[in-house]
Amino acid sequence: MKNKNIVIISSIDWSTHWQMHHQLATSMVAAGNRVLFVENTGARGPRLADIGRMRERIVNWVKSVRGFREVQPDLTVFSPLFLPFPYSRIASAINRFILSGSVRQWMRSAHFQKQIEMVLGKSCFEIFRNNCWHQSAPCCKPRIEKHPKILYCSNVCF
């Protein structure tokens, strides 16, 4: 795959220990693609132990352009700010509206069209589930039964 625009909706932050998510993003860039890496959007309510991560997210957001920062050429990381109440329907609806609008606006300004989306974790999908940026082909059999809507929103799921 070459000369594609790839959105990786990740279940981890960019600054965590190097994992498959990071390797996938950098490999896609090295192969000649552009990547938007959306950091973890939270799968549970905040805990006291999360204060450092929350502080880091706020610092990253302040140092960036509305949460978007280029970490290397053709690799942009989005550190979204969101309401930390993943089980609240109201908070989830607000998060979906704000996050999807931010990503759509960035895509327009970056001329990031006809993208391929990769979902790396169920929690990420829940935030973006009703805000697909395009129709795409299914290919994530292990999750099909539990989350059939992923089929309409992403090309690859992990």
Protein backbone atom coordinates (compact mmCIF):
# COMPACT_ATOMS: atom_id res chain seq x y z
CA MET A 1 0.00 0.00 0.00
CA LYS A 2 1.43 3.35 -1.05
CA ASN A 3 0.25 6.96 -1.40
CA LYS A 4 -2.77 6.43 0.87
CA ASN A 5 -4.19 8.51 3.69
CA ILE A 6 -4.58 6.32 6.78
CA VAL A 7 -6.45 7.09 10.00
CA ILE A 8 -5.43 4.91 12.95
CA ILE A 9 -7.96 5.19 15.76
CA SER A 10 -5.84 3.82 18.57
CA SER A 11 -6.54 2.48 22.04
CA ILE A 12 -3.21 3.83 23.32
CA ASP A 13 -1.44 7.19 23.46
CA TRP A 14 1.50 8.01 21.23
CA SER A 15 3.77 8.58 24.23
CA THR A 16 3.27 5.11 25.74
CA HIS A 17 5.85 2.34 25.43
CA TRP A 18 6.47 1.39 21.81
CA GLN A 19 3.80 -1.09 20.69
CA MET A 20 2.22 -2.54 17.55
CA HIS A 21 0.17 0.67 17.08
CA HIS A 22 3.34 2.77 16.82
CA GLN A 23 5.05 0.25 14.55
CA LEU A 24 2.04 0.15 12.26
CA ALA A 25 1.89 3.96 11.99
CA THR A 26 5.60 4.43 11.32
CA SER A 27 5.70 1.49 8.88
CA MET A 28 2.81 2.99 6.93
CA VAL A 29 4.65 6.33 6.74
CA ALA A 30 7.89 4.63 5.70
CA ALA A 31 5.97 2.90 2.89
CA GLY A 32 4.96 6.30 1.49
CA ASN A 33 1.60 6.94 3.15
CA ARG A 34 0.25 9.76 5.32
CA VAL A 35 -1.06 8.79 8.75
CA LEU A 36 -3.34 10.44 11.30
CA PHE A 37 -2.91 8.64 14.64
CA VAL A 38 -5.86 9.35 16.98
CA GLU A 39 -4.81 8.71 20.57
CA ASN A 40 -6.83 6.80 23.15
CA THR A 41 -10.29 8.23 23.78
CA GLY A 42 -10.84 6.43 27.07
CA ALA A 43 -12.74 3.25 27.85
CA ARG A 44 -13.35 3.86 31.54
CA GLY A 45 -13.79 6.70 33.97
CA PRO A 46 -10.65 8.42 35.26
CA ARG A 47 -8.83 7.13 38.33
CA LEU A 48 -6.36 8.81 40.64
CA ALA A 49 -3.55 6.93 38.89
CA ASP A 50 -4.54 8.62 35.60
CA ILE A 51 -3.70 12.15 36.72
CA GLY A 52 -0.27 12.05 35.05
CA ARG A 53 -1.76 10.87 31.76
CA MET A 54 -4.49 13.52 31.91
CA ARG A 55 -1.90 16.22 32.59
CA GLU A 56 0.21 14.98 29.68
CA ARG A 57 -2.83 15.00 27.38
CA ILE A 58 -3.62 18.61 28.30
CA VAL A 59 0.03 19.66 27.81
CA ASN A 60 0.10 17.92 24.40
CA TRP A 61 -3.14 19.62 23.42
CA VAL A 62 -1.84 23.07 24.47
CA LYS A 63 1.47 22.58 22.61
CA SER A 64 -0.32 21.49 19.45
CA VAL A 65 -2.80 23.04 17.05
CA ARG A 66 -6.16 22.08 18.59
CA GLY A 67 -4.76 18.69 19.55
CA PHE A 68 -3.02 17.92 16.25
CA ARG A 69 0.78 17.74 16.11
CA GLU A 70 3.13 16.44 13.47
CA VAL A 71 5.59 14.03 15.11
CA GLN A 72 7.43 13.38 11.86
CA PRO A 73 6.74 14.18 8.22
CA ASP A 74 3.47 12.55 7.12
CA LEU A 75 2.63 11.38 10.66
CA THR A 76 0.22 13.53 12.66
CA VAL A 77 -0.95 12.63 16.16
CA PHE A 78 -4.30 13.85 17.47
CA SER A 79 -4.55 14.14 21.27
CA PRO A 80 -8.27 14.75 21.75
CA LEU A 81 -9.72 16.34 24.85
CA PHE A 82 -12.97 14.66 25.82
CA LEU A 83 -15.43 14.31 28.66
CA PRO A 84 -14.17 11.42 30.84
CA PHE A 85 -17.52 9.72 31.33
CA PRO A 86 -17.52 6.80 28.86
CA TYR A 87 -20.76 5.30 30.20
CA SER A 88 -22.79 8.49 29.99
CA ARG A 89 -24.90 8.73 26.83
CA ILE A 90 -24.84 12.51 26.96
CA ALA A 91 -21.05 12.72 27.41
CA SER A 92 -20.54 10.12 24.66
CA ALA A 93 -22.76 12.07 22.26
CA ILE A 94 -20.88 15.30 23.01
CA ASN A 95 -17.52 13.52 22.59
CA ARG A 96 -18.58 12.00 19.25
CA PHE A 97 -19.76 15.39 17.99
CA ILE A 98 -16.61 17.27 19.06
CA LEU A 99 -14.06 14.61 18.08
CA SER A 100 -15.60 13.85 14.71
CA GLY A 101 -15.90 17.54 13.90
CA SER A 102 -12.27 18.14 14.83
CA VAL A 103 -11.05 15.23 12.71
CA ARG A 104 -13.21 16.24 9.74
CA GLN A 105 -11.95 19.84 9.93
CA TRP A 106 -8.31 18.69 10.10
CA MET A 107 -8.86 16.32 7.15
CA ARG A 108 -10.21 19.16 5.02
CA SER A 109 -7.34 21.50 5.91
CA ALA A 110 -4.71 18.77 5.39
CA HIS A 111 -6.30 17.58 2.11
CA PHE A 112 -6.59 14.15 3.71
CA GLN A 113 -9.17 12.51 1.44
CA LYS A 114 -10.19 8.95 0.59
CA GLN A 115 -8.63 7.65 3.78
CA ILE A 116 -8.35 4.14 5.07
CA GLU A 117 -9.34 3.74 8.70
CA MET A 118 -7.85 1.28 11.15
CA VAL A 119 -9.50 0.70 14.51
CA LEU A 120 -7.11 -0.54 17.20
CA GLY A 121 -9.46 -1.32 20.07
CA LYS A 122 -13.19 -1.38 20.81
CA SER A 123 -13.14 1.74 22.98
CA CYS A 124 -11.97 3.85 20.05
CA PHE A 125 -14.72 2.52 17.86
CA GLU A 126 -17.39 3.46 20.39
CA ILE A 127 -16.44 7.15 20.15
CA PHE A 128 -16.39 7.26 16.35
CA ARG A 129 -19.01 4.60 15.57
CA ASN A 130 -21.67 6.87 14.07
CA ASN A 131 -19.26 9.21 12.35
CA CYS A 132 -17.76 7.21 9.52
CA TRP A 133 -15.90 9.39 7.08
CA HIS A 134 -16.53 7.01 4.20
CA GLN A 135 -17.94 3.60 3.30
CA SER A 136 -15.38 0.82 3.21
CA ALA A 137 -14.89 -2.90 2.83
CA PRO A 138 -15.12 -5.19 5.87
CA CYS A 139 -12.18 -7.25 7.11
CA CYS A 140 -12.15 -7.80 10.85
CA LYS A 141 -13.78 -11.20 11.40
CA PRO A 142 -13.08 -11.62 15.15
CA ARG A 143 -15.07 -8.50 15.98
CA ILE A 144 -17.86 -8.80 13.44
CA GLU A 145 -20.25 -10.69 15.70
CA LYS A 146 -19.87 -8.32 18.65
CA HIS A 147 -19.61 -5.01 16.78
CA PRO A 148 -21.16 -5.32 13.32
CA LYS A 149 -21.17 -1.55 12.79
CA ILE A 150 -17.36 -1.63 12.59
CA LEU A 151 -17.88 -3.20 9.18
CA TYR A 152 -19.15 0.09 7.83
CA CYS A 153 -16.53 2.27 9.48
CA SER A 154 -13.13 0.72 9.03
CA ASN A 155 -11.01 -1.24 6.65
CA VAL A 156 -8.88 -2.98 9.28
CA CYS A 157 -9.58 -3.79 12.95
CA PHE A 158 -7.23 -5.14 15.61
